[in-house]
Amino acid sequence: MTSVANLALVRGAAAGVLALLAAVPPVLAQDACPHRGELDTLYCDVNRDLVADPPTDPKKFRNPGTLVFAYTPVEDPAVYERIFRPFTEYLAQCTGKRVVYFQVQSNAAQVEAMRSGRLHVGGFSTGPTAFAVNLAGAVPFAVKGDANGFQSYRVAVVVRADSPIRAITDLKDRRVAHTSPSSNSGNLAPRALFPALGVTPDKDYKVLYSGGHDRSVLGVRTGDYDAAPVASDVFARMIQRGTVKESEFRVIWQSDPFPTSAFAYAHDLEPSLRDRMLKCFYDYRYPEEMRKAFDGADRFYPVTYLKDWEVVRKVAAASGESFGRAAFEALAKREEEARAKKAAGK
C-alpha cells in the first residue's frame, strides 16, 4: 500500500475516533443521573466508585456471541496476540463464547473501540486507563500479578551506556523522548515528578514524543534522543527478548512503583456473563510462556480503580492533565500525526 493510501487510512481512523466523541445520542445517555463525577454523559456513577454503573434498564445489557479482547498497543500487537493465545482459548472454553483478539494500533483506537461497543474486555496501559474509564465505560478489575499482589513498574530514565548524563539535572538542554501525552510513565509522571528533582519538561528541555516506550529505548540507542523516561517493565522485556542489550544502557533514575496495565470490562455486559468472565480471569494461571513474557506474573490479580489507580490520578492532577473529552481529542490528534509520519516514511 502506498504512503498516500496509508495516510488516508490513518486520517480516516482518527476522524472516526473524534466523530464518535463529538456527539452523544440522548437515547444512550443515563437519564436523571444524580452523580457522574468525571464520567462522560453516557454514564452514571451513583455509588461514587469512579467507574460507570451498569445500565438501569435491563434491555441495555449486552450478551454478545463473540467476546472481543485486546491488549495495550505499547509494543507489537502481533507478538501479544500470540502470547495471549493460550488465555483467549481458555476464556472461550470457560465462558462458552467465541473469543477473538483485536489488534489495536493506538491508545485512542482502543478506547474508541470499547466506547463504540466493539471491544468487550482488554488490557489498557496505565495512563490511558483513565480515558477508558471516563469516556468508554471501562471498569478495571485486574492487574497482572502473583500470590503476593499485583505487578508494578517504575519510571526508569535510560541513557546510553557511554552517555555523560549521570543525573536528572543533566537532562537540561538535552533531547529527551517522552512516549505519548497520555502515558503515565512516559509523560505524566515525569512532568509531575521531575520539577522537584531540578528539571522541568518543556522548560529545561524540549519534549520529543517518540510514539512508544520501545521507540524511546531504540531512539536512545541510536542517538536520536539523549535520554528517555520509560516503563521499567517494557524496558526489561525488550532486554529479555533480545531487542536491545542491557549493556548498551544505563538507568540514571527510577521512581516509586505504579500499577501496570489494567484489565477492564465494558460496563454494560450482562451481569451473569460479566461475573462468569471475571471468575474465568481470576481462576486462570499463566502458562510458562506468559509468565516469562510478563516478568514472572502468573495470574490476574483483583484491583479497583478507586483504590489502586489513586496514585496515577494524583500524578495526572499534579502534572495538570485531565482525562476528559478535550484531552482525549488532543491525544487522538497527536497519535494520528505520529502514525501519519510513520506511514509517510518520515
C-alpha atoms as a PDB file:
ATOM      1  CA  MET A   1       0.000   0.000   0.000  1.00  0.00           C
ATOM      2  CA  THR A   2       1.353   3.455  -0.844  1.00  0.00           C
ATOM      3  CA  SER A   3       2.227   6.076   1.738  1.00  0.00           C
ATOM      4  CA  VAL A   4      -0.642   8.224   0.439  1.00  0.00           C
ATOM      5  CA  ALA A   5      -3.111   5.401   0.913  1.00  0.00           C
ATOM      6  CA  ASN A   6      -1.747   4.692   4.381  1.00  0.00           C
ATOM      7  CA  LEU A   7      -2.076   8.361   5.293  1.00  0.00           C
ATOM      8  CA  ALA A   8      -5.694   8.358   4.123  1.00  0.00           C
ATOM      9  CA  LEU A   9      -6.470   5.341   6.285  1.00  0.00           C
ATOM     10  CA  VAL A  10      -4.786   6.934   9.302  1.00  0.00           C
ATOM     11  CA  ARG A  11      -6.735  10.161   8.888  1.00  0.00           C
ATOM     12  CA  GLY A  12      -9.950   8.256   8.388  1.00  0.00           C
ATOM     13  CA  ALA A  13      -9.425   6.220  11.551  1.00  0.00           C
ATOM     14  CA  ALA A  14      -8.627   9.285  13.638  1.00  0.00           C
ATOM     15  CA  ALA A  15     -11.615  11.132  12.187  1.00  0.00           C
ATOM     16  CA  GLY A  16     -13.785   8.223  13.284  1.00  0.00           C
ATOM     17  CA  VAL A  17     -12.475   8.472  16.842  1.00  0.00           C
ATOM     18  CA  LEU A  18     -13.199  12.190  17.044  1.00  0.00           C
ATOM     19  CA  ALA A  19     -16.585  11.889  15.341  1.00  0.00           C
ATOM     20  CA  LEU A  20     -17.693   9.259  17.823  1.00  0.00           C
ATOM     21  CA  LEU A  21     -16.809  11.556  20.697  1.00  0.00           C
ATOM     22  CA  ALA A  22     -18.333  14.623  19.092  1.00  0.00           C
ATOM     23  CA  ALA A  23     -21.937  13.612  19.582  1.00  0.00           C
ATOM     24  CA  VAL A  24     -23.658  11.737  22.387  1.00  0.00           C
ATOM     25  CA  PRO A  25     -27.051  10.335  21.339  1.00  0.00           C
ATOM     26  CA  PRO A  26     -29.569  11.392  24.002  1.00  0.00           C
ATOM     27  CA  VAL A  27     -31.216   7.962  23.950  1.00  0.00           C
ATOM     28  CA  LEU A  28     -27.989   6.361  25.172  1.00  0.00           C
ATOM     29  CA  ALA A  29     -27.242   8.773  27.997  1.00  0.00           C
ATOM     30  CA  GLN A  30     -28.105   7.799  31.579  1.00  0.00           C
ATOM     31  CA  ASP A  31     -31.357   9.609  32.404  1.00  0.00           C
ATOM     32  CA  ALA A  32     -31.671  11.645  35.610  1.00  0.00           C
ATOM     33  CA  CYS A  33     -28.198  10.740  36.804  1.00  0.00           C
ATOM     34  CA  PRO A  34     -27.648  12.148  40.329  1.00  0.00           C
ATOM     35  CA  HIS A  35     -23.857  11.863  40.095  1.00  0.00           C
ATOM     36  CA  ARG A  36     -21.366  11.079  37.352  1.00  0.00           C
ATOM     37  CA  GLY A  37     -18.174  12.814  38.506  1.00  0.00           C
ATOM     38  CA  GLU A  38     -15.662  12.932  35.644  1.00  0.00           C
ATOM     39  CA  LEU A  39     -17.503  10.332  33.582  1.00  0.00           C
ATOM     40  CA  ASP A  40     -18.868  11.158  30.151  1.00  0.00           C
ATOM     41  CA  THR A  41     -22.608  11.907  29.876  1.00  0.00           C
ATOM     42  CA  LEU A  42     -23.176   8.374  28.574  1.00  0.00           C
ATOM     43  CA  TYR A  43     -22.509   7.018  32.055  1.00  0.00           C
ATOM     44  CA  CYS A  44     -23.554   7.415  35.680  1.00  0.00           C
ATOM     45  CA  ASP A  45     -21.773   6.797  38.996  1.00  0.00           C
ATOM     46  CA  VAL A  46     -24.374   6.692  41.741  1.00  0.00           C
ATOM     47  CA  ASN A  47     -22.204   4.662  44.131  1.00  0.00           C
ATOM     48  CA  ARG A  48     -19.273   7.044  43.575  1.00  0.00           C
ATOM     49  CA  ASP A  49     -16.652   4.377  42.915  1.00  0.00           C
ATOM     50  CA  LEU A  50     -15.427   6.490  39.953  1.00  0.00           C
ATOM     51  CA  VAL A  51     -16.454   3.942  37.281  1.00  0.00           C
ATOM     52  CA  ALA A  52     -19.635   3.638  35.223  1.00  0.00           C
ATOM     53  CA  ASP A  53     -22.574   1.899  36.873  1.00  0.00           C
ATOM     54  CA  PRO A  54     -24.321  -0.909  34.966  1.00  0.00           C
ATOM     55  CA  PRO A  55     -27.346   0.294  32.950  1.00  0.00           C
ATOM     56  CA  THR A  56     -30.516   0.667  34.984  1.00  0.00           C
ATOM     57  CA  ASP A  57     -32.557  -0.640  32.036  1.00  0.00           C
ATOM     58  CA  PRO A  58     -32.019  -4.433  31.617  1.00  0.00           C
ATOM     59  CA  LYS A  59     -32.680  -4.032  27.878  1.00  0.00           C
ATOM     60  CA  LYS A  60     -29.376  -2.169  27.575  1.00  0.00           C
ATOM     61  CA  PHE A  61     -27.277  -5.090  28.812  1.00  0.00           C
ATOM     62  CA  ARG A  62     -25.154  -6.793  26.159  1.00  0.00           C
ATOM     63  CA  ASN A  63     -24.555 -10.529  25.870  1.00  0.00           C
ATOM     64  CA  PRO A  64     -22.514 -10.869  22.645  1.00  0.00           C
ATOM     65  CA  GLY A  65     -21.979 -14.182  20.908  1.00  0.00           C
ATOM     66  CA  THR A  66     -18.306 -13.269  20.432  1.00  0.00           C
ATOM     67  CA  LEU A  67     -16.153 -11.655  23.099  1.00  0.00           C
ATOM     68  CA  VAL A  68     -13.557  -9.249  21.717  1.00  0.00           C
ATOM     69  CA  PHE A  69     -10.320  -8.996  23.717  1.00  0.00           C
ATOM     70  CA  ALA A  70      -7.455  -6.541  23.190  1.00  0.00           C
ATOM     71  CA  TYR A  71      -4.183  -5.650  24.874  1.00  0.00           C
ATOM     72  CA  THR A  72      -2.426  -2.311  25.113  1.00  0.00           C
ATOM     73  CA  PRO A  73      -0.676  -1.249  21.866  1.00  0.00           C
ATOM     74  CA  VAL A  74       2.568  -0.187  23.555  1.00  0.00           C
ATOM     75  CA  GLU A  75       4.535  -2.736  21.571  1.00  0.00           C
ATOM     76  CA  ASP A  76       3.978  -5.057  18.560  1.00  0.00           C
ATOM     77  CA  PRO A  77       0.348  -6.247  18.870  1.00  0.00           C
ATOM     78  CA  ALA A  78       1.053  -9.408  16.855  1.00  0.00           C
ATOM     79  CA  VAL A  79       3.559 -10.541  19.494  1.00  0.00           C
ATOM     80  CA  TYR A  80       0.978 -10.165  22.241  1.00  0.00           C
ATOM     81  CA  GLU A  81      -1.745 -11.909  20.266  1.00  0.00           C
ATOM     82  CA  ARG A  82       0.493 -14.992  20.236  1.00  0.00           C
ATOM     83  CA  ILE A  83       1.417 -14.642  23.917  1.00  0.00           C
ATOM     84  CA  PHE A  84      -2.232 -14.323  24.949  1.00  0.00           C
ATOM     85  CA  ARG A  85      -3.472 -17.166  22.696  1.00  0.00           C
ATOM     86  CA  PRO A  86      -3.479 -19.814  25.471  1.00  0.00           C
ATOM     87  CA  PHE A  87      -5.567 -17.458  27.599  1.00  0.00           C
ATOM     88  CA  THR A  88      -8.046 -16.453  24.881  1.00  0.00           C
ATOM     89  CA  GLU A  89      -8.552 -20.142  24.051  1.00  0.00           C
ATOM     90  CA  TYR A  90      -9.172 -20.843  27.740  1.00  0.00           C
ATOM     91  CA  LEU A  91     -11.534 -17.867  28.027  1.00  0.00           C
ATOM     92  CA  ALA A  92     -13.586 -19.182  25.105  1.00  0.00           C
ATOM     93  CA  GLN A  93     -13.926 -22.582  26.733  1.00  0.00           C
ATOM     94  CA  CYS A  94     -14.624 -21.098  30.173  1.00  0.00           C
ATOM     95  CA  THR A  95     -17.332 -18.651  29.038  1.00  0.00           C
ATOM     96  CA  GLY A  96     -18.795 -20.732  26.230  1.00  0.00           C
ATOM     97  CA  LYS A  97     -18.242 -17.778  23.902  1.00  0.00           C
ATOM     98  CA  ARG A  98     -16.126 -17.346  20.819  1.00  0.00           C
ATOM     99  CA  VAL A  99     -13.189 -15.072  21.730  1.00  0.00           C
ATOM    100  CA  VAL A 100     -11.204 -13.029  19.216  1.00  0.00           C
ATOM    101  CA  TYR A 101      -8.080 -10.942  19.767  1.00  0.00           C
ATOM    102  CA  PHE A 102      -8.378  -7.389  18.406  1.00  0.00           C
ATOM    103  CA  GLN A 103      -5.039  -5.828  17.433  1.00  0.00           C
ATOM    104  CA  VAL A 104      -5.227  -2.130  18.308  1.00  0.00           C
ATOM    105  CA  GLN A 105      -2.712   0.329  16.862  1.00  0.00           C
ATOM    106  CA  SER A 106      -3.141   3.222  19.304  1.00  0.00           C
ATOM    107  CA  ASN A 107      -4.459   4.038  22.752  1.00  0.00           C
ATOM    108  CA  ALA A 108      -7.147   6.268  21.262  1.00  0.00           C
ATOM    109  CA  ALA A 109      -8.347   3.481  18.957  1.00  0.00           C
ATOM    110  CA  GLN A 110      -8.588   1.063  21.882  1.00  0.00           C
ATOM    111  CA  VAL A 111     -10.662   3.496  23.949  1.00  0.00           C
ATOM    112  CA  GLU A 112     -12.886   4.235  20.943  1.00  0.00           C
ATOM    113  CA  ALA A 113     -13.418   0.505  20.363  1.00  0.00           C
ATOM    114  CA  MET A 114     -14.788  -0.023  23.862  1.00  0.00           C
ATOM    115  CA  ARG A 115     -16.871   3.138  23.756  1.00  0.00           C
ATOM    116  CA  SER A 116     -18.474   2.049  20.474  1.00  0.00           C
ATOM    117  CA  GLY A 117     -19.227  -1.441  21.772  1.00  0.00           C
ATOM    118  CA  ARG A 118     -16.686  -3.250  19.560  1.00  0.00           C
ATOM    119  CA  LEU A 119     -14.388  -4.177  22.467  1.00  0.00           C
ATOM    120  CA  HIS A 120     -15.697  -6.060  25.499  1.00  0.00           C
ATOM    121  CA  VAL A 121     -12.629  -6.657  27.660  1.00  0.00           C
ATOM    122  CA  GLY A 122      -8.936  -5.877  27.471  1.00  0.00           C
ATOM    123  CA  GLY A 123      -5.747  -4.548  28.999  1.00  0.00           C
ATOM    124  CA  PHE A 124      -5.252  -0.763  28.901  1.00  0.00           C
ATOM    125  CA  SER A 125      -1.940   0.998  29.558  1.00  0.00           C
ATOM    126  CA  THR A 126      -1.682   2.660  32.967  1.00  0.00           C
ATOM    127  CA  GLY A 127      -2.238   6.259  31.826  1.00  0.00           C
ATOM    128  CA  PRO A 128      -4.944   5.634  29.169  1.00  0.00           C
ATOM    129  CA  THR A 129      -6.884   3.502  31.679  1.00  0.00           C
ATOM    130  CA  ALA A 130      -8.398   6.741  32.985  1.00  0.00           C
ATOM    131  CA  PHE A 131      -9.578   7.723  29.466  1.00  0.00           C
ATOM    132  CA  ALA A 132     -11.121   4.269  29.100  1.00  0.00           C
ATOM    133  CA  VAL A 133     -12.927   4.687  32.430  1.00  0.00           C
ATOM    134  CA  ASN A 134     -14.204   8.217  31.820  1.00  0.00           C
ATOM    135  CA  LEU A 135     -15.030   8.051  28.110  1.00  0.00           C
ATOM    136  CA  ALA A 136     -15.660   4.377  27.328  1.00  0.00           C
ATOM    137  CA  GLY A 137     -17.359   2.990  30.435  1.00  0.00           C
ATOM    138  CA  ALA A 138     -14.445   0.660  31.181  1.00  0.00           C
ATOM    139  CA  VAL A 139     -14.408  -0.997  34.606  1.00  0.00           C
ATOM    140  CA  PRO A 140     -10.874  -2.053  35.687  1.00  0.00           C
ATOM    141  CA  PHE A 141     -10.849  -5.320  37.622  1.00  0.00           C
ATOM    142  CA  ALA A 142      -7.362  -6.825  37.465  1.00  0.00           C
ATOM    143  CA  VAL A 143      -3.640  -6.270  37.008  1.00  0.00           C
ATOM    144  CA  LYS A 144      -1.064  -8.941  36.201  1.00  0.00           C
ATOM    145  CA  GLY A 145       0.372 -10.294  39.437  1.00  0.00           C
ATOM    146  CA  ASP A 146       1.135 -13.276  41.634  1.00  0.00           C
ATOM    147  CA  ALA A 147       0.076 -14.674  45.005  1.00  0.00           C
ATOM    148  CA  ASN A 148       1.739 -11.739  46.799  1.00  0.00           C
ATOM    149  CA  GLY A 149      -0.029  -8.919  44.961  1.00  0.00           C
ATOM    150  CA  PHE A 150      -0.362  -7.099  41.672  1.00  0.00           C
ATOM    151  CA  GLN A 151       2.552  -6.307  39.407  1.00  0.00           C
ATOM    152  CA  SER A 152       4.002  -2.810  39.352  1.00  0.00           C
ATOM    153  CA  TYR A 153       6.556  -0.901  37.333  1.00  0.00           C
ATOM    154  CA  ARG A 154       8.694   2.161  37.778  1.00  0.00           C
ATOM    155  CA  VAL A 155       9.529   5.147  35.625  1.00  0.00           C
ATOM    156  CA  ALA A 156      13.099   4.467  34.504  1.00  0.00           C
ATOM    157  CA  VAL A 157      15.176   7.178  32.853  1.00  0.00           C
ATOM    158  CA  VAL A 158      17.515   5.456  30.400  1.00  0.00           C
ATOM    159  CA  VAL A 159      20.590   6.820  28.620  1.00  0.00           C
ATOM    160  CA  ARG A 160      23.267   5.176  26.501  1.00  0.00           C
ATOM    161  CA  ALA A 161      26.000   3.417  28.433  1.00  0.00           C
ATOM    162  CA  ASP A 162      28.578   5.888  27.073  1.00  0.00           C
ATOM    163  CA  SER A 163      26.464   8.972  27.821  1.00  0.00           C
ATOM    164  CA  PRO A 164      27.880  11.755  30.021  1.00  0.00           C
ATOM    165  CA  ILE A 165      24.409  12.124  31.613  1.00  0.00           C
ATOM    166  CA  ARG A 166      24.585  10.928  35.231  1.00  0.00           C
ATOM    167  CA  ALA A 167      21.661  12.607  36.999  1.00  0.00           C
ATOM    168  CA  ILE A 168      18.226  14.057  36.276  1.00  0.00           C
ATOM    169  CA  THR A 169      19.649  17.576  36.377  1.00  0.00           C
ATOM    170  CA  ASP A 170      21.948  16.644  33.472  1.00  0.00           C
ATOM    171  CA  LEU A 171      18.861  16.462  31.222  1.00  0.00           C
ATOM    172  CA  LYS A 172      18.864  20.250  30.861  1.00  0.00           C
ATOM    173  CA  ASP A 173      19.134  21.300  27.206  1.00  0.00           C
ATOM    174  CA  ARG A 174      19.155  17.650  26.091  1.00  0.00           C
ATOM    175  CA  ARG A 175      16.973  15.773  23.581  1.00  0.00           C
ATOM    176  CA  VAL A 176      14.607  13.844  25.821  1.00  0.00           C
ATOM    177  CA  ALA A 177      11.970  11.484  24.446  1.00  0.00           C
ATOM    178  CA  HIS A 178       8.580  11.174  26.110  1.00  0.00           C
ATOM    179  CA  THR A 179       6.360   8.412  24.736  1.00  0.00           C
ATOM    180  CA  SER A 180       2.868   9.899  24.280  1.00  0.00           C
ATOM    181  CA  PRO A 181       0.758  12.561  26.029  1.00  0.00           C
ATOM    182  CA  SER A 182      -1.482  10.038  27.834  1.00  0.00           C
ATOM    183  CA  SER A 183       1.310   7.745  29.043  1.00  0.00           C
ATOM    184  CA  ASN A 184       1.773   7.679  32.809  1.00  0.00           C
ATOM    185  CA  SER A 185       5.404   6.566  32.923  1.00  0.00           C
ATOM    186  CA  GLY A 186       6.351   8.074  29.570  1.00  0.00           C
ATOM    187  CA  ASN A 187       4.942  11.569  30.121  1.00  0.00           C
ATOM    188  CA  LEU A 188       2.586  12.355  33.031  1.00  0.00           C
ATOM    189  CA  ALA A 189       4.771  11.040  35.852  1.00  0.00           C
ATOM    190  CA  PRO A 190       7.944  12.773  34.553  1.00  0.00           C
ATOM    191  CA  ARG A 191       6.047  16.059  34.280  1.00  0.00           C
ATOM    192  CA  ALA A 192       4.794  15.661  37.852  1.00  0.00           C
ATOM    193  CA  LEU A 193       7.988  14.319  39.437  1.00  0.00           C
ATOM    194  CA  PHE A 194      10.929  15.890  37.592  1.00  0.00           C
ATOM    195  CA  PRO A 195      10.467  19.528  38.748  1.00  0.00           C
ATOM    196  CA  ALA A 196      11.161  18.532  42.360  1.00  0.00           C
ATOM    197  CA  LEU A 197      14.367  16.881  41.118  1.00  0.00           C
ATOM    198  CA  GLY A 198      15.571  20.046  39.401  1.00  0.00           C
ATOM    199  CA  VAL A 199      14.311  19.698  35.817  1.00  0.00           C
ATOM    200  CA  THR A 200      11.018  20.840  34.310  1.00  0.00           C
ATOM    201  CA  PRO A 201       9.982  19.240  30.984  1.00  0.00           C
ATOM    202  CA  ASP A 202       9.297  21.720  28.157  1.00  0.00           C
ATOM    203  CA  LYS A 203      11.162  24.362  30.163  1.00  0.00           C
ATOM    204  CA  ASP A 204      14.603  22.890  30.819  1.00  0.00           C
ATOM    205  CA  TYR A 205      14.407  20.517  27.843  1.00  0.00           C
ATOM    206  CA  LYS A 206      12.120  20.201  24.829  1.00  0.00           C
ATOM    207  CA  VAL A 207       9.847  17.167  24.964  1.00  0.00           C
ATOM    208  CA  LEU A 208      10.083  14.993  21.837  1.00  0.00           C
ATOM    209  CA  TYR A 209       7.248  12.457  21.549  1.00  0.00           C
ATOM    210  CA  SER A 210       8.533   9.117  20.265  1.00  0.00           C
ATOM    211  CA  GLY A 211       5.193   7.313  19.998  1.00  0.00           C
ATOM    212  CA  GLY A 212       6.012   4.440  22.360  1.00  0.00           C
ATOM    213  CA  HIS A 213       8.292   3.077  25.070  1.00  0.00           C
ATOM    214  CA  ASP A 214      10.048   0.730  22.662  1.00  0.00           C
ATOM    215  CA  ARG A 215      10.653   3.583  20.219  1.00  0.00           C
ATOM    216  CA  SER A 216      12.088   5.734  23.009  1.00  0.00           C
ATOM    217  CA  VAL A 217      14.513   2.992  24.020  1.00  0.00           C
ATOM    218  CA  LEU A 218      15.575   2.316  20.435  1.00  0.00           C
ATOM    219  CA  GLY A 219      15.932   6.056  19.799  1.00  0.00           C
ATOM    220  CA  VAL A 220      18.256   6.404  22.784  1.00  0.00           C
ATOM    221  CA  ARG A 221      20.364   3.540  21.472  1.00  0.00           C
ATOM    222  CA  THR A 222      20.702   5.089  18.003  1.00  0.00           C
ATOM    223  CA  GLY A 223      21.415   8.551  19.404  1.00  0.00           C
ATOM    224  CA  ASP A 224      18.179  10.160  18.210  1.00  0.00           C
ATOM    225  CA  TYR A 225      17.477  11.021  21.856  1.00  0.00           C
ATOM    226  CA  ASP A 226      19.877  11.695  24.719  1.00  0.00           C
ATOM    227  CA  ALA A 227      17.578  10.148  27.315  1.00  0.00           C
ATOM    228  CA  ALA A 228      14.058   8.826  27.818  1.00  0.00           C
ATOM    229  CA  PRO A 229      11.718   8.079  30.725  1.00  0.00           C
ATOM    230  CA  VAL A 230      10.124   4.680  30.033  1.00  0.00           C
ATOM    231  CA  ALA A 231       8.200   1.959  31.850  1.00  0.00           C
ATOM    232  CA  SER A 232      10.719  -0.308  33.552  1.00  0.00           C
ATOM    233  CA  ASP A 233       8.735  -3.454  32.700  1.00  0.00           C
ATOM    234  CA  VAL A 234       8.712  -2.642  28.973  1.00  0.00           C
ATOM    235  CA  PHE A 235      12.455  -1.951  29.069  1.00  0.00           C
ATOM    236  CA  ALA A 236      13.054  -5.262  30.879  1.00  0.00           C
ATOM    237  CA  ARG A 237      11.001  -7.198  28.310  1.00  0.00           C
ATOM    238  CA  MET A 238      12.954  -5.644  25.430  1.00  0.00           C
ATOM    239  CA  ILE A 239      16.173  -6.861  27.066  1.00  0.00           C
ATOM    240  CA  GLN A 240      14.666 -10.275  27.768  1.00  0.00           C
ATOM    241  CA  ARG A 241      13.558 -10.728  24.149  1.00  0.00           C
ATOM    242  CA  GLY A 242      16.950  -9.627  22.828  1.00  0.00           C
ATOM    243  CA  THR A 243      15.622  -6.476  21.163  1.00  0.00           C
ATOM    244  CA  VAL A 244      18.319  -4.494  22.981  1.00  0.00           C
ATOM    245  CA  LYS A 245      21.222  -5.375  25.262  1.00  0.00           C
ATOM    246  CA  GLU A 246      21.283  -4.243  28.877  1.00  0.00           C
ATOM    247  CA  SER A 247      24.970  -3.336  28.461  1.00  0.00           C
ATOM    248  CA  GLU A 248      24.006  -0.671  25.897  1.00  0.00           C
ATOM    249  CA  PHE A 249      22.202   1.443  28.531  1.00  0.00           C
ATOM    250  CA  ARG A 250      22.375   2.948  31.986  1.00  0.00           C
ATOM    251  CA  VAL A 251      19.385   3.754  34.194  1.00  0.00           C
ATOM    252  CA  ILE A 252      20.108   7.077  35.919  1.00  0.00           C
ATOM    253  CA  TRP A 253      16.901   7.280  37.997  1.00  0.00           C
ATOM    254  CA  GLN A 254      13.812   5.257  38.940  1.00  0.00           C
ATOM    255  CA  SER A 255      10.524   6.279  40.534  1.00  0.00           C
ATOM    256  CA  ASP A 256       8.438   4.622  43.199  1.00  0.00           C
ATOM    257  CA  PRO A 257       6.203   1.839  41.769  1.00  0.00           C
ATOM    258  CA  PHE A 258       2.976   2.261  39.768  1.00  0.00           C
ATOM    259  CA  PRO A 259       0.422  -0.426  38.820  1.00  0.00           C
ATOM    260  CA  THR A 260       0.884  -1.950  35.377  1.00  0.00           C
ATOM    261  CA  SER A 261      -1.774  -2.151  32.648  1.00  0.00           C
ATOM    262  CA  ALA A 262      -5.343  -2.612  33.887  1.00  0.00           C
ATOM    263  CA  PHE A 263      -7.694  -5.263  32.557  1.00  0.00           C
ATOM    264  CA  ALA A 264     -11.161  -3.792  32.249  1.00  0.00           C
ATOM    265  CA  TYR A 265     -14.578  -4.872  31.007  1.00  0.00           C
ATOM    266  CA  ALA A 266     -17.344  -2.864  29.356  1.00  0.00           C
ATOM    267  CA  HIS A 267     -19.793  -1.612  31.992  1.00  0.00           C
ATOM    268  CA  ASP A 268     -22.877  -2.818  30.116  1.00  0.00           C
ATOM    269  CA  LEU A 269     -22.045  -6.523  29.848  1.00  0.00           C
ATOM    270  CA  GLU A 270     -24.910  -8.731  31.011  1.00  0.00           C
ATOM    271  CA  PRO A 271     -24.283  -9.386  34.749  1.00  0.00           C
ATOM    272  CA  SER A 272     -24.218 -13.198  34.604  1.00  0.00           C
ATOM    273  CA  LEU A 273     -21.799 -13.095  31.646  1.00  0.00           C
ATOM    274  CA  ARG A 274     -19.676 -10.464  33.400  1.00  0.00           C
ATOM    275  CA  ASP A 275     -19.477 -12.483  36.631  1.00  0.00           C
ATOM    276  CA  ARG A 276     -18.682 -15.711  34.798  1.00  0.00           C
ATOM    277  CA  MET A 277     -15.979 -13.962  32.775  1.00  0.00           C
ATOM    278  CA  LEU A 278     -14.415 -12.418  35.894  1.00  0.00           C
ATOM    279  CA  LYS A 279     -14.248 -15.825  37.576  1.00  0.00           C
ATOM    280  CA  CYS A 280     -12.526 -17.170  34.457  1.00  0.00           C
ATOM    281  CA  PHE A 281      -9.926 -14.410  34.686  1.00  0.00           C
ATOM    282  CA  TYR A 282      -9.295 -14.827  38.408  1.00  0.00           C
ATOM    283  CA  ASP A 283      -9.066 -18.633  38.235  1.00  0.00           C
ATOM    284  CA  TYR A 284      -6.591 -18.673  35.338  1.00  0.00           C
ATOM    285  CA  ARG A 285      -2.892 -19.352  35.930  1.00  0.00           C
ATOM    286  CA  TYR A 286      -0.429 -18.277  33.252  1.00  0.00           C
ATOM    287  CA  PRO A 287       1.483 -20.947  31.331  1.00  0.00           C
ATOM    288  CA  GLU A 288       5.273 -20.706  31.223  1.00  0.00           C
ATOM    289  CA  GLU A 289       5.491 -18.502  28.121  1.00  0.00           C
ATOM    290  CA  MET A 290       3.112 -15.921  29.600  1.00  0.00           C
ATOM    291  CA  ARG A 291       4.968 -15.935  32.934  1.00  0.00           C
ATOM    292  CA  LYS A 292       8.226 -15.345  31.078  1.00  0.00           C
ATOM    293  CA  ALA A 293       6.736 -12.575  28.934  1.00  0.00           C
ATOM    294  CA  PHE A 294       5.253 -10.780  31.952  1.00  0.00           C
ATOM    295  CA  ASP A 295       8.199 -10.832  34.351  1.00  0.00           C
ATOM    296  CA  GLY A 296       7.038 -13.777  36.436  1.00  0.00           C
ATOM    297  CA  ALA A 297       3.387 -12.757  36.863  1.00  0.00           C
ATOM    298  CA  ASP A 298       1.184 -15.842  36.937  1.00  0.00           C
ATOM    299  CA  ARG A 299      -2.374 -14.544  37.370  1.00  0.00           C
ATOM    300  CA  PHE A 300      -4.875 -11.690  37.051  1.00  0.00           C
ATOM    301  CA  TYR A 301      -4.803 -10.047  40.477  1.00  0.00           C
ATOM    302  CA  PRO A 302      -8.004  -8.240  41.627  1.00  0.00           C
ATOM    303  CA  VAL A 303      -7.877  -4.425  41.815  1.00  0.00           C
ATOM    304  CA  THR A 304     -10.267  -1.474  41.846  1.00  0.00           C
ATOM    305  CA  TYR A 305      -9.928   1.813  40.012  1.00  0.00           C
ATOM    306  CA  LEU A 306     -10.951   3.794  43.101  1.00  0.00           C
ATOM    307  CA  LYS A 307      -8.156   2.470  45.319  1.00  0.00           C
ATOM    308  CA  ASP A 308      -5.379   1.146  43.110  1.00  0.00           C
ATOM    309  CA  TRP A 309      -5.361   3.923  40.475  1.00  0.00           C
ATOM    310  CA  GLU A 310      -5.301   6.732  43.025  1.00  0.00           C
ATOM    311  CA  VAL A 311      -1.563   7.302  42.609  1.00  0.00           C
ATOM    312  CA  VAL A 312      -1.973   7.564  38.834  1.00  0.00           C
ATOM    313  CA  ARG A 313      -4.780  10.096  39.173  1.00  0.00           C
ATOM    314  CA  LYS A 314      -2.705  12.147  41.618  1.00  0.00           C
ATOM    315  CA  VAL A 315       0.250  12.209  39.215  1.00  0.00           C
ATOM    316  CA  ALA A 316      -2.030  13.362  36.400  1.00  0.00           C
ATOM    317  CA  ALA A 317      -3.517  16.110  38.568  1.00  0.00           C
ATOM    318  CA  ALA A 318      -0.051  17.265  39.643  1.00  0.00           C
ATOM    319  CA  SER A 319       1.059  17.486  36.020  1.00  0.00           C
ATOM    320  CA  GLY A 320      -2.029  19.493  35.058  1.00  0.00           C
ATOM    321  CA  GLU A 321      -3.512  16.709  32.936  1.00  0.00           C
ATOM    322  CA  SER A 322      -7.135  15.628  32.825  1.00  0.00           C
ATOM    323  CA  PHE A 323      -8.931  12.644  31.331  1.00  0.00           C
ATOM    324  CA  GLY A 324     -11.912  14.328  29.718  1.00  0.00           C
ATOM    325  CA  ARG A 325     -13.060  14.583  26.118  1.00  0.00           C
ATOM    326  CA  ALA A 326     -10.895  17.571  25.164  1.00  0.00           C
ATOM    327  CA  ALA A 327      -7.728  15.878  26.442  1.00  0.00           C
ATOM    328  CA  PHE A 328      -8.674  12.688  24.616  1.00  0.00           C
ATOM    329  CA  GLU A 329      -9.235  14.530  21.338  1.00  0.00           C
ATOM    330  CA  ALA A 330      -5.761  16.058  21.731  1.00  0.00           C
ATOM    331  CA  LEU A 331      -4.351  12.566  22.318  1.00  0.00           C
ATOM    332  CA  ALA A 332      -6.114  11.187  19.233  1.00  0.00           C
ATOM    333  CA  LYS A 333      -4.788  14.064  17.128  1.00  0.00           C
ATOM    334  CA  ARG A 334      -1.200  13.508  18.298  1.00  0.00           C
ATOM    335  CA  GLU A 335      -1.428   9.783  17.684  1.00  0.00           C
ATOM    336  CA  GLU A 336      -2.841  10.471  14.218  1.00  0.00           C
ATOM    337  CA  GLU A 337       0.076  12.770  13.438  1.00  0.00           C
ATOM    338  CA  ALA A 338       2.596  10.182  14.667  1.00  0.00           C
ATOM    339  CA  ARG A 339       1.022   7.438  12.535  1.00  0.00           C
ATOM    340  CA  ALA A 340       0.857   9.745   9.520  1.00  0.00           C
ATOM    341  CA  LYS A 341       4.600  10.478   9.798  1.00  0.00           C
ATOM    342  CA  LYS A 342       5.304   6.770  10.075  1.00  0.00           C
ATOM    343  CA  ALA A 343       3.093   5.970   7.067  1.00  0.00           C
ATOM    344  CA  ALA A 344       4.873   8.651   5.051  1.00  0.00           C
ATOM    345  CA  GLY A 345       8.219   7.143   5.962  1.00  0.00           C
ATOM    346  CA  LYS A 346       9.453  10.153   7.912  1.00  0.00           C
END
